[in-house]
Amino acid sequence: MSSSWDRAGKNNHQLRTSVKKKNSALIAPSVLSADLLRLEQQIRIVERAGADWIHLDIMDGHFVPNITFGPVVVQAIRRCTKLPLDAHLMVEKPGRFLKNFREAGADRLTVHMESCPHLHRIVQQIRELGMRPGVTLNPSTPAAALKPILPYVDLILVMTVNPGFGGQKFITSMLGKIREINRMIKESNPAILLEVDGGVSADNAAQLVEAGARVLVAGNSIFGKPNIGQALRKLRKAASL
């Protein structure tokens, strides 16, 4: 009998079919950069413009030097969109909050390997709650640290800025790291989606996709523009080779 851990490849295969071209990426606008007074309106704009996921940056003021929002806001976002909610927990001891975010409506839950001394256990708990587990690593964490966890996750998120604040400049040396992780994924679990977050824009989207990125998280380069829908479409065009 297969365990819940063995379903990662099958589950992810279904999602990857939404990437229409071989060399293109899903677009996941990050509401960290949205106008919270007009959050529902702006989410509906990116949804109409073709966003694939909504990315949720959850910060606790301890693991990273900023505080954003929690399950209550996620629950409100869940009510105004049918898009998959991609929750990225930048928090200490994330195991305390897994059930809260599942109940709030998160579809994916990604935790930092730097905050999880028992990473396999957390990944298993995320899957058992019915969410798709992902693992994030900071810019200073080497790609090789991912090797033991690759068979068990649906997604790897590469931070291309130091987490904590939106609008930071992309760290160009992370391109080599993305390529290395892409090679590791192909060798270990090709169904894994490789996601990139930090300084993503239409200017570097093609480089990221060429390096192996299959999900692009973009905040300021979408919500920071006067025409949000147009900005998303420009990013998608740049990410479709």
Protein backbone atom coordinates (compact mmCIF):
# COMPACT_ATOMS: atom_id res chain seq x y z
CA MET A 1 0.00 0.00 0.00
CA SER A 2 1.40 3.40 -0.91
CA SER A 3 1.76 6.01 1.84
CA SER A 4 0.65 9.64 1.68
CA TRP A 5 4.30 10.50 1.06
CA ASP A 6 4.28 8.50 -2.19
CA ARG A 7 1.53 10.60 -3.78
CA ALA A 8 3.76 13.67 -4.38
CA GLY A 9 4.59 12.77 -7.96
CA LYS A 10 1.01 11.94 -8.97
CA ASN A 11 -0.46 15.08 -7.40
CA ASN A 12 2.12 17.36 -8.97
CA HIS A 13 1.79 15.79 -12.42
CA GLN A 14 -1.81 17.00 -12.51
CA LEU A 15 -0.79 20.58 -11.72
CA ARG A 16 2.08 20.69 -14.18
CA THR A 17 -0.35 20.15 -17.04
CA SER A 18 -1.43 23.76 -16.51
CA VAL A 19 2.00 24.92 -17.74
CA LYS A 20 1.00 25.11 -21.39
CA LYS A 21 4.45 25.41 -22.94
CA LYS A 22 7.49 23.31 -22.13
CA ASN A 23 9.51 26.43 -21.35
CA SER A 24 7.05 28.62 -19.51
CA ALA A 25 6.06 29.24 -15.92
CA LEU A 26 3.03 29.59 -13.71
CA ILE A 27 2.54 33.11 -12.34
CA ALA A 28 1.82 33.53 -8.62
CA PRO A 29 1.21 37.18 -7.67
CA SER A 30 2.23 37.92 -4.08
CA VAL A 31 -0.33 39.92 -2.14
CA LEU A 32 2.49 41.20 0.08
CA SER A 33 2.73 44.06 -2.43
CA ALA A 34 -1.01 44.55 -2.92
CA ASP A 35 -3.03 47.46 -1.55
CA LEU A 36 -4.71 45.91 1.49
CA LEU A 37 -7.51 48.49 1.35
CA ARG A 38 -8.38 47.16 -2.10
CA LEU A 39 -7.22 43.57 -1.66
CA GLU A 40 -10.32 41.83 -3.03
CA GLN A 41 -10.44 44.13 -6.05
CA GLN A 42 -6.77 43.60 -6.85
CA ILE A 43 -7.00 39.83 -6.45
CA ARG A 44 -9.90 39.80 -8.90
CA ILE A 45 -7.83 41.86 -11.36
CA VAL A 46 -4.93 39.39 -11.37
CA GLU A 47 -7.37 36.49 -11.55
CA ARG A 48 -8.97 37.96 -14.68
CA ALA A 49 -5.52 38.69 -16.12
CA GLY A 50 -4.61 35.01 -15.92
CA ALA A 51 -2.81 34.47 -12.61
CA ASP A 52 -2.33 30.78 -11.80
CA TRP A 53 -1.92 30.96 -8.01
CA ILE A 54 -2.11 33.58 -5.27
CA HIS A 55 1.06 33.68 -3.18
CA LEU A 56 0.78 34.45 0.54
CA ASP A 57 3.88 35.62 2.42
CA ILE A 58 3.36 34.84 6.11
CA MET A 59 5.93 36.52 8.40
CA ASP A 60 6.11 36.41 12.19
CA GLY A 61 8.67 39.09 13.09
CA HIS A 62 11.02 36.42 14.50
CA PHE A 63 12.26 34.24 11.66
CA VAL A 64 12.27 37.35 9.47
CA PRO A 65 12.28 41.02 10.58
CA ASN A 66 8.72 41.79 9.52
CA ILE A 67 5.12 40.90 10.39
CA THR A 68 2.49 40.45 7.71
CA PHE A 69 -0.76 38.54 8.29
CA GLY A 70 -2.13 35.23 9.51
CA PRO A 71 -4.93 32.71 8.95
CA VAL A 72 -7.75 35.27 9.34
CA VAL A 73 -6.59 37.20 6.26
CA VAL A 74 -5.97 33.96 4.37
CA GLN A 75 -9.56 32.95 5.13
CA ALA A 76 -10.79 36.27 3.72
CA ILE A 77 -8.71 35.81 0.57
CA ARG A 78 -10.08 32.29 0.18
CA ARG A 79 -13.60 33.73 0.03
CA CYS A 80 -12.80 36.03 -2.89
CA THR A 81 -10.90 33.70 -5.23
CA LYS A 82 -10.96 30.14 -6.50
CA LEU A 83 -7.27 30.21 -7.41
CA PRO A 84 -4.93 27.92 -5.46
CA LEU A 85 -3.52 29.65 -2.37
CA ASP A 86 0.23 29.19 -2.06
CA ALA A 87 1.17 29.95 1.56
CA HIS A 88 4.85 30.57 2.32
CA LEU A 89 5.51 30.38 6.08
CA MET A 90 8.47 32.54 7.09
CA VAL A 91 7.97 31.74 10.77
CA GLU A 92 9.66 30.02 13.67
CA LYS A 93 8.26 26.60 14.63
CA PRO A 94 5.84 26.42 11.67
CA GLY A 95 4.41 23.13 12.94
CA ARG A 96 2.27 25.12 15.36
CA PHE A 97 0.31 26.73 12.53
CA LEU A 98 -0.19 24.05 9.88
CA LYS A 99 -3.76 23.17 10.82
CA ASN A 100 -4.72 26.86 11.10
CA PHE A 101 -3.71 27.55 7.52
CA ARG A 102 -5.39 24.40 6.23
CA GLU A 103 -8.64 25.48 7.90
CA ALA A 104 -8.20 28.98 6.45
CA GLY A 105 -8.13 27.54 2.94
CA ALA A 106 -4.48 27.21 1.93
CA ASP A 107 -3.86 24.65 -0.83
CA ARG A 108 -0.07 24.66 -0.65
CA LEU A 109 2.10 25.19 2.38
CA THR A 110 5.81 25.85 2.12
CA VAL A 111 8.14 25.95 5.11
CA HIS A 112 11.75 27.03 5.45
CA MET A 113 14.23 24.25 5.99
CA GLU A 114 16.19 26.68 8.19
CA SER A 115 13.28 26.82 10.67
CA CYS A 116 12.53 23.06 10.74
CA PRO A 117 14.96 20.80 12.63
CA HIS A 118 12.53 17.92 11.96
CA LEU A 119 11.75 18.78 8.35
CA HIS A 120 10.52 15.36 7.21
CA ARG A 121 7.95 15.31 10.02
CA ILE A 122 6.62 18.75 9.09
CA VAL A 123 6.36 17.79 5.41
CA GLN A 124 4.45 14.64 6.32
CA GLN A 125 2.07 16.61 8.55
CA ILE A 126 1.37 19.10 5.75
CA ARG A 127 0.46 16.28 3.37
CA GLU A 128 -1.67 14.51 5.96
CA LEU A 129 -3.66 17.72 6.39
CA GLY A 130 -4.51 17.63 2.69
CA MET A 131 -2.13 20.34 1.48
CA ARG A 132 0.73 20.06 -0.98
CA PRO A 133 4.04 20.43 0.91
CA GLY A 134 6.90 22.61 -0.21
CA VAL A 135 10.32 23.49 1.18
CA THR A 136 12.02 26.87 0.93
CA LEU A 137 15.68 27.72 1.25
CA ASN A 138 17.30 31.09 1.84
CA PRO A 139 19.99 32.50 -0.49
CA SER A 140 22.81 31.44 1.85
CA THR A 141 21.59 27.84 2.21
CA PRO A 142 23.35 25.50 -0.26
CA ALA A 143 21.30 23.56 -2.79
CA ALA A 144 22.80 20.27 -1.58
CA ALA A 145 20.88 20.62 1.71
CA LEU A 146 17.69 19.74 -0.21
CA LYS A 147 18.79 16.26 -1.27
CA PRO A 148 17.28 14.26 1.65
CA ILE A 149 13.84 15.90 1.34
CA LEU A 150 13.38 15.90 -2.46
CA PRO A 151 11.54 12.55 -2.66
CA TYR A 152 8.80 13.81 -0.33
CA VAL A 153 7.79 17.28 -1.52
CA ASP A 154 5.70 18.77 -4.30
CA LEU A 155 7.55 22.07 -4.54
CA ILE A 156 10.92 23.69 -3.89
CA LEU A 157 10.94 27.46 -3.39
CA VAL A 158 14.23 29.25 -4.01
CA MET A 159 14.52 32.64 -2.35
CA THR A 160 16.38 35.03 -4.64
CA VAL A 161 16.37 37.80 -2.02
CA ASN A 162 16.78 37.57 1.73
CA PRO A 163 13.21 37.09 3.00
CA GLY A 164 11.37 39.66 5.05
CA PHE A 165 10.49 42.54 2.77
CA GLY A 166 9.02 43.04 -0.69
CA GLY A 167 10.59 45.10 -3.46
CA GLN A 168 14.16 43.86 -3.00
CA LYS A 169 16.68 43.51 -5.83
CA PHE A 170 17.16 40.06 -7.36
CA ILE A 171 20.42 38.34 -6.32
CA THR A 172 21.84 37.38 -9.72
CA SER A 173 24.14 34.67 -8.33
CA MET A 174 21.00 32.66 -7.49
CA LEU A 175 20.62 31.73 -11.18
CA GLY A 176 23.35 29.13 -10.78
CA LYS A 177 21.63 27.77 -7.70
CA ILE A 178 18.33 27.46 -9.57
CA ARG A 179 20.09 25.49 -12.31
CA GLU A 180 21.69 23.20 -9.75
CA ILE A 181 18.39 22.52 -7.99
CA ASN A 182 16.69 21.93 -11.33
CA ARG A 183 19.26 19.22 -12.09
CA MET A 184 18.68 17.68 -8.66
CA ILE A 185 14.93 17.64 -9.24
CA LYS A 186 15.28 15.92 -12.61
CA GLU A 187 17.43 13.22 -11.02
CA SER A 188 15.32 12.69 -7.89
CA ASN A 189 11.66 13.65 -8.46
CA PRO A 190 10.88 15.31 -11.82
CA ALA A 191 7.30 16.07 -10.74
CA ILE A 192 8.49 18.73 -8.27
CA LEU A 193 7.67 22.31 -9.21
CA LEU A 194 10.59 24.72 -8.87
CA GLU A 195 9.37 28.11 -7.63
CA VAL A 196 11.35 31.36 -7.43
CA ASP A 197 10.56 34.31 -5.16
CA GLY A 198 12.36 37.63 -4.87
CA GLY A 199 12.97 40.43 -7.33
CA VAL A 200 11.14 38.59 -10.12
CA SER A 201 10.15 40.81 -13.06
CA ALA A 202 9.67 40.81 -16.80
CA ASP A 203 13.35 41.74 -17.07
CA ASN A 204 14.64 38.48 -15.61
CA ALA A 205 11.71 36.08 -16.18
CA ALA A 206 13.24 34.51 -19.30
CA GLN A 207 16.51 33.83 -17.48
CA LEU A 208 14.65 32.21 -14.60
CA VAL A 209 12.60 29.94 -16.87
CA GLU A 210 15.71 28.97 -18.83
CA ALA A 211 17.39 28.06 -15.53
CA GLY A 212 14.49 25.76 -14.63
CA ALA A 213 11.91 27.85 -12.74
CA ARG A 214 8.34 26.67 -13.25
CA VAL A 215 6.55 29.04 -10.87
CA LEU A 216 7.36 32.75 -10.63
CA VAL A 217 6.29 34.69 -7.53
CA ALA A 218 5.99 38.39 -8.28
CA GLY A 219 4.83 41.14 -5.96
CA ASN A 220 6.05 44.64 -6.68
CA SER A 221 6.47 43.99 -10.42
CA ILE A 222 2.72 43.31 -10.60
CA PHE A 223 0.93 45.12 -7.77
CA GLY A 224 3.41 47.99 -7.81
CA LYS A 225 2.44 48.98 -11.35
CA PRO A 226 -0.36 51.40 -12.34
CA ASN A 227 -2.00 48.74 -14.54
CA ILE A 228 -1.88 45.49 -12.57
CA GLY A 229 -3.45 43.29 -15.22
CA GLN A 230 -1.15 44.60 -17.92
CA ALA A 231 1.89 44.03 -15.68
CA LEU A 232 0.91 40.41 -15.10
CA ARG A 233 0.40 39.79 -18.80
CA LYS A 234 3.79 41.35 -19.55
CA LEU A 235 5.43 39.03 -17.02
CA ARG A 236 3.69 35.99 -18.49
CA LYS A 237 4.80 36.92 -22.01
CA ALA A 238 8.38 37.30 -20.80
CA ALA A 239 8.20 33.93 -19.04
CA SER A 240 6.92 32.07 -22.14
CA LEU A 241 9.87 31.13 -24.30
